[in-house]
Amino acid sequence: MKQPAVYIMANKRNGTLYTGVTSNLPQRAWQHREGAVEGFTQRYGCKSLVWFEMAPTMEAAIVREKQIKAGSRMKKLALVEGLNPDWDDLFASVAHG
């Protein structure tokens, strides 16, 4: 599934958040879950996919990622709460199509 997407990973409800962009959300979310990617998400245990948004192009996804990253923590929390008020791990919903 080559589909540009912006996503937010979290370590727990209202916990540490990581915003990223990818062309393969199921693979990227799996890499974060398994700790296969060294860096921020591994260090802070951000293994739950709590929010995502598909984009028509990678350029659009990058613009949206920058917009989200430039916003406040409260805006990121509002995005998650709007899509996923229970902070469920959405990995299964993207991994199985």
C-alpha atoms as a PDB file:
ATOM      1  CA  MET A   1       0.000   0.000   0.000  1.00  0.00           C
ATOM      2  CA  LYS A   2       1.883   3.044  -1.244  1.00  0.00           C
ATOM      3  CA  GLN A   3      -0.312   5.812   0.108  1.00  0.00           C
ATOM      4  CA  PRO A   4       1.134   8.984   1.641  1.00  0.00           C
ATOM      5  CA  ALA A   5       0.002   9.555   5.204  1.00  0.00           C
ATOM      6  CA  VAL A   6       0.679  11.714   8.244  1.00  0.00           C
ATOM      7  CA  TYR A   7       0.455   9.972  11.598  1.00  0.00           C
ATOM      8  CA  ILE A   8       0.826  10.381  15.335  1.00  0.00           C
ATOM      9  CA  MET A   9       2.313   7.717  17.603  1.00  0.00           C
ATOM     10  CA  ALA A  10       1.934   7.846  21.400  1.00  0.00           C
ATOM     11  CA  ASN A  11       3.318   5.964  24.377  1.00  0.00           C
ATOM     12  CA  LYS A  12       0.060   6.273  26.370  1.00  0.00           C
ATOM     13  CA  ARG A  13      -3.105   8.359  26.552  1.00  0.00           C
ATOM     14  CA  ASN A  14      -2.082  12.034  26.792  1.00  0.00           C
ATOM     15  CA  GLY A  15       1.545  10.882  26.827  1.00  0.00           C
ATOM     16  CA  THR A  16       4.518  11.572  24.582  1.00  0.00           C
ATOM     17  CA  LEU A  17       3.527  12.184  20.955  1.00  0.00           C
ATOM     18  CA  TYR A  18       5.485  11.714  17.733  1.00  0.00           C
ATOM     19  CA  THR A  19       4.280  13.107  14.406  1.00  0.00           C
ATOM     20  CA  GLY A  20       5.610  11.560  11.212  1.00  0.00           C
ATOM     21  CA  VAL A  21       5.009  11.127   7.501  1.00  0.00           C
ATOM     22  CA  THR A  22       5.304   7.981   5.370  1.00  0.00           C
ATOM     23  CA  SER A  23       4.321   6.421   2.060  1.00  0.00           C
ATOM     24  CA  ASN A  24       3.559   3.071   3.734  1.00  0.00           C
ATOM     25  CA  LEU A  25       1.658   3.528   7.005  1.00  0.00           C
ATOM     26  CA  PRO A  26       1.224  -0.162   7.956  1.00  0.00           C
ATOM     27  CA  GLN A  27       4.953  -0.844   7.542  1.00  0.00           C
ATOM     28  CA  ARG A  28       6.018   2.350   9.328  1.00  0.00           C
ATOM     29  CA  ALA A  29       3.645   1.851  12.255  1.00  0.00           C
ATOM     30  CA  TRP A  30       4.901  -1.734  12.593  1.00  0.00           C
ATOM     31  CA  GLN A  31       8.511  -0.478  12.656  1.00  0.00           C
ATOM     32  CA  HIS A  32       7.643   1.904  15.497  1.00  0.00           C
ATOM     33  CA  ARG A  33       5.755  -0.822  17.411  1.00  0.00           C
ATOM     34  CA  GLU A  34       8.662  -3.229  17.170  1.00  0.00           C
ATOM     35  CA  GLY A  35      11.288  -0.633  18.094  1.00  0.00           C
ATOM     36  CA  ALA A  36      12.975  -1.235  14.730  1.00  0.00           C
ATOM     37  CA  VAL A  37      13.532   2.500  14.222  1.00  0.00           C
ATOM     38  CA  GLU A  38      16.207   4.042  16.419  1.00  0.00           C
ATOM     39  CA  GLY A  39      15.468   7.482  17.725  1.00  0.00           C
ATOM     40  CA  PHE A  40      12.645   9.352  19.371  1.00  0.00           C
ATOM     41  CA  THR A  41       9.849   6.779  19.219  1.00  0.00           C
ATOM     42  CA  GLN A  42      12.113   3.993  20.446  1.00  0.00           C
ATOM     43  CA  ARG A  43      13.536   6.133  23.257  1.00  0.00           C
ATOM     44  CA  TYR A  44      10.099   7.246  24.488  1.00  0.00           C
ATOM     45  CA  GLY A  45       8.193   4.031  23.778  1.00  0.00           C
ATOM     46  CA  CYS A  46       5.762   5.579  21.270  1.00  0.00           C
ATOM     47  CA  LYS A  47       4.307   2.321  19.950  1.00  0.00           C
ATOM     48  CA  SER A  48       0.602   3.107  19.535  1.00  0.00           C
ATOM     49  CA  LEU A  49      -0.734   4.574  16.303  1.00  0.00           C
ATOM     50  CA  VAL A  50      -3.346   6.975  17.694  1.00  0.00           C
ATOM     51  CA  TRP A  51      -4.072   9.223  14.692  1.00  0.00           C
ATOM     52  CA  PHE A  52      -3.493   9.258  10.963  1.00  0.00           C
ATOM     53  CA  GLU A  53      -4.614  11.074   7.861  1.00  0.00           C
ATOM     54  CA  MET A  54      -4.122   9.935   4.271  1.00  0.00           C
ATOM     55  CA  ALA A  55      -2.868  12.459   1.717  1.00  0.00           C
ATOM     56  CA  PRO A  56      -3.195  12.565  -2.067  1.00  0.00           C
ATOM     57  CA  THR A  57       0.546  13.131  -2.598  1.00  0.00           C
ATOM     58  CA  MET A  58       3.734  12.908  -0.557  1.00  0.00           C
ATOM     59  CA  GLU A  59       4.164  16.661  -0.962  1.00  0.00           C
ATOM     60  CA  ALA A  60       0.727  17.249   0.584  1.00  0.00           C
ATOM     61  CA  ALA A  61       1.566  14.840   3.417  1.00  0.00           C
ATOM     62  CA  ILE A  62       4.802  16.707   4.180  1.00  0.00           C
ATOM     63  CA  VAL A  63       3.006  20.071   4.189  1.00  0.00           C
ATOM     64  CA  ARG A  64       0.404  18.658   6.613  1.00  0.00           C
ATOM     65  CA  GLU A  65       3.110  17.125   8.841  1.00  0.00           C
ATOM     66  CA  LYS A  66       4.885  20.497   9.083  1.00  0.00           C
ATOM     67  CA  GLN A  67       1.571  22.185   9.883  1.00  0.00           C
ATOM     68  CA  ILE A  68       0.875  19.701  12.697  1.00  0.00           C
ATOM     69  CA  LYS A  69       4.432  19.874  14.075  1.00  0.00           C
ATOM     70  CA  ALA A  70       4.248  23.680  14.106  1.00  0.00           C
ATOM     71  CA  GLY A  71       1.022  23.547  16.119  1.00  0.00           C
ATOM     72  CA  SER A  72       0.717  23.302  19.863  1.00  0.00           C
ATOM     73  CA  ARG A  73       0.519  20.109  21.886  1.00  0.00           C
ATOM     74  CA  MET A  74      -3.123  20.985  22.583  1.00  0.00           C
ATOM     75  CA  LYS A  75      -3.852  20.972  18.832  1.00  0.00           C
ATOM     76  CA  LYS A  76      -2.228  17.543  18.471  1.00  0.00           C
ATOM     77  CA  LEU A  77      -4.240  16.209  21.410  1.00  0.00           C
ATOM     78  CA  ALA A  78      -7.403  17.641  19.806  1.00  0.00           C
ATOM     79  CA  LEU A  79      -6.613  15.821  16.540  1.00  0.00           C
ATOM     80  CA  VAL A  80      -6.254  12.516  18.392  1.00  0.00           C
ATOM     81  CA  GLU A  81      -9.340  13.093  20.540  1.00  0.00           C
ATOM     82  CA  GLY A  82     -11.383  14.006  17.447  1.00  0.00           C
ATOM     83  CA  LEU A  83     -10.557  10.817  15.546  1.00  0.00           C
ATOM     84  CA  ASN A  84      -9.828   8.461  18.411  1.00  0.00           C
ATOM     85  CA  PRO A  85     -11.334   9.611  21.740  1.00  0.00           C
ATOM     86  CA  ASP A  86     -10.449   6.316  23.469  1.00  0.00           C
ATOM     87  CA  TRP A  87      -6.812   6.490  22.309  1.00  0.00           C
ATOM     88  CA  ASP A  88      -7.056   2.993  20.824  1.00  0.00           C
ATOM     89  CA  ASP A  89      -4.072   1.649  18.910  1.00  0.00           C
ATOM     90  CA  LEU A  90      -5.220   1.968  15.288  1.00  0.00           C
ATOM     91  CA  PHE A  91      -2.501  -0.317  13.925  1.00  0.00           C
ATOM     92  CA  ALA A  92      -4.896  -3.217  13.253  1.00  0.00           C
ATOM     93  CA  SER A  93      -7.175  -0.965  11.196  1.00  0.00           C
ATOM     94  CA  VAL A  94      -4.350   0.019   8.843  1.00  0.00           C
ATOM     95  CA  ALA A  95      -2.449  -3.272   8.880  1.00  0.00           C
ATOM     96  CA  HIS A  96      -5.423  -5.237   7.566  1.00  0.00           C
ATOM     97  CA  GLY A  97      -6.641  -2.653   5.144  1.00  0.00           C
END
